Amino acid sequence: MKEWLKQFYGEHKWLTILAAAALVLGILFLCIGFWRTLLLALLVAVGVLMGSILDRGGWPAVKDFFAAIFQKR
């Protein structure tokens, strides 16, 4: 059984990931509502963005990122 699952996941990686994500979003919509789910998704996206920036360059990269966004023109 494990081999079949590994093979299926290997052939359909993104299908499996996106189907699981859609299932989680659907459950969240039903349980906590649209706006709370949207807020949660936004907070997760910000966390992922900050985590990827920290992974690439640490706190100086975060500082540079926000300096680039909020620079005076």
C-alpha atoms as a PDB file:
ATOM      1  CA  MET A   1       0.000   0.000   0.000  1.00  0.00           C
ATOM      2  CA  LYS A   2       2.817   2.425   0.836  1.00  0.00           C
ATOM      3  CA  GLU A   3       4.457   1.911  -2.561  1.00  0.00           C
ATOM      4  CA  TRP A   4       1.222   2.759  -4.343  1.00  0.00           C
ATOM      5  CA  LEU A   5       0.889   6.002  -2.372  1.00  0.00           C
ATOM      6  CA  LYS A   6       4.505   6.966  -3.025  1.00  0.00           C
ATOM      7  CA  GLN A   7       4.065   6.306  -6.734  1.00  0.00           C
ATOM      8  CA  PHE A   8       0.805   8.263  -6.880  1.00  0.00           C
ATOM      9  CA  TYR A   9       2.334  11.206  -5.014  1.00  0.00           C
ATOM     10  CA  GLY A  10       5.412  11.119  -7.240  1.00  0.00           C
ATOM     11  CA  GLU A  11       3.290  11.277 -10.383  1.00  0.00           C
ATOM     12  CA  HIS A  12       0.698  13.746  -9.038  1.00  0.00           C
ATOM     13  CA  LYS A  13       2.542  15.900  -6.520  1.00  0.00           C
ATOM     14  CA  TRP A  14       0.806  19.216  -7.164  1.00  0.00           C
ATOM     15  CA  LEU A  15      -2.609  17.625  -7.571  1.00  0.00           C
ATOM     16  CA  THR A  16      -2.271  16.059  -4.135  1.00  0.00           C
ATOM     17  CA  ILE A  17      -0.979  19.228  -2.467  1.00  0.00           C
ATOM     18  CA  LEU A  18      -3.603  21.516  -4.008  1.00  0.00           C
ATOM     19  CA  ALA A  19      -6.446  19.100  -3.336  1.00  0.00           C
ATOM     20  CA  ALA A  20      -5.412  18.941   0.332  1.00  0.00           C
ATOM     21  CA  ALA A  21      -5.170  22.749   0.464  1.00  0.00           C
ATOM     22  CA  ALA A  22      -8.636  23.100  -1.100  1.00  0.00           C
ATOM     23  CA  LEU A  23     -10.046  20.634   1.423  1.00  0.00           C
ATOM     24  CA  VAL A  24      -8.556  22.593   4.324  1.00  0.00           C
ATOM     25  CA  LEU A  25      -9.860  25.905   2.913  1.00  0.00           C
ATOM     26  CA  GLY A  26     -13.328  24.429   2.445  1.00  0.00           C
ATOM     27  CA  ILE A  27     -13.416  23.183   6.021  1.00  0.00           C
ATOM     28  CA  LEU A  28     -12.209  26.566   7.277  1.00  0.00           C
ATOM     29  CA  PHE A  29     -14.896  28.401   5.274  1.00  0.00           C
ATOM     30  CA  LEU A  30     -17.569  26.186   6.802  1.00  0.00           C
ATOM     31  CA  CYS A  31     -16.224  26.378  10.359  1.00  0.00           C
ATOM     32  CA  ILE A  32     -15.020  29.954  10.839  1.00  0.00           C
ATOM     33  CA  GLY A  33     -16.475  31.865   7.893  1.00  0.00           C
ATOM     34  CA  PHE A  34     -15.122  33.607   4.812  1.00  0.00           C
ATOM     35  CA  TRP A  35     -13.539  36.732   6.327  1.00  0.00           C
ATOM     36  CA  ARG A  36     -11.766  34.940   9.146  1.00  0.00           C
ATOM     37  CA  THR A  37     -10.457  32.372   6.686  1.00  0.00           C
ATOM     38  CA  LEU A  38      -9.253  35.174   4.416  1.00  0.00           C
ATOM     39  CA  LEU A  39      -7.496  36.868   7.347  1.00  0.00           C
ATOM     40  CA  LEU A  40      -5.870  33.581   8.352  1.00  0.00           C
ATOM     41  CA  ALA A  41      -4.676  32.990   4.777  1.00  0.00           C
ATOM     42  CA  LEU A  42      -3.233  36.512   4.648  1.00  0.00           C
ATOM     43  CA  LEU A  43      -1.377  36.032   7.935  1.00  0.00           C
ATOM     44  CA  VAL A  44       0.013  32.689   6.771  1.00  0.00           C
ATOM     45  CA  ALA A  45       1.164  34.273   3.490  1.00  0.00           C
ATOM     46  CA  VAL A  46       2.941  37.070   5.373  1.00  0.00           C
ATOM     47  CA  GLY A  47       4.591  34.487   7.637  1.00  0.00           C
ATOM     48  CA  VAL A  48       5.783  32.456   4.660  1.00  0.00           C
ATOM     49  CA  LEU A  49       7.121  35.603   2.967  1.00  0.00           C
ATOM     50  CA  MET A  50       8.977  36.692   6.094  1.00  0.00           C
ATOM     51  CA  GLY A  51      10.321  33.182   6.662  1.00  0.00           C
ATOM     52  CA  SER A  52      11.646  32.924   3.125  1.00  0.00           C
ATOM     53  CA  ILE A  53      13.312  36.342   3.423  1.00  0.00           C
ATOM     54  CA  LEU A  54      14.900  35.327   6.734  1.00  0.00           C
ATOM     55  CA  ASP A  55      16.104  32.058   5.211  1.00  0.00           C
ATOM     56  CA  ARG A  56      17.782  33.909   2.368  1.00  0.00           C
ATOM     57  CA  GLY A  57      19.544  36.668   4.275  1.00  0.00           C
ATOM     58  CA  GLY A  58      18.591  37.045   7.915  1.00  0.00           C
ATOM     59  CA  TRP A  59      17.442  40.270   9.560  1.00  0.00           C
ATOM     60  CA  PRO A  60      19.441  42.564   7.235  1.00  0.00           C
ATOM     61  CA  ALA A  61      17.444  41.152   4.312  1.00  0.00           C
ATOM     62  CA  VAL A  62      14.182  41.922   6.145  1.00  0.00           C
ATOM     63  CA  LYS A  63      15.378  45.439   6.840  1.00  0.00           C
ATOM     64  CA  ASP A  64      16.346  45.901   3.167  1.00  0.00           C
ATOM     65  CA  PHE A  65      12.982  44.485   2.042  1.00  0.00           C
ATOM     66  CA  PHE A  66      10.993  46.980   4.097  1.00  0.00           C
ATOM     67  CA  ALA A  67      13.343  49.832   3.174  1.00  0.00           C
ATOM     68  CA  ALA A  68      12.704  49.066  -0.499  1.00  0.00           C
ATOM     69  CA  ILE A  69       8.931  49.009   0.022  1.00  0.00           C
ATOM     70  CA  PHE A  70       8.728  52.186   2.121  1.00  0.00           C
ATOM     71  CA  GLN A  71      11.451  54.235   0.477  1.00  0.00           C
ATOM     72  CA  LYS A  72      10.844  57.933   0.003  1.00  0.00           C
ATOM     73  CA  ARG A  73      10.575  58.977  -3.589  1.00  0.00           C
END
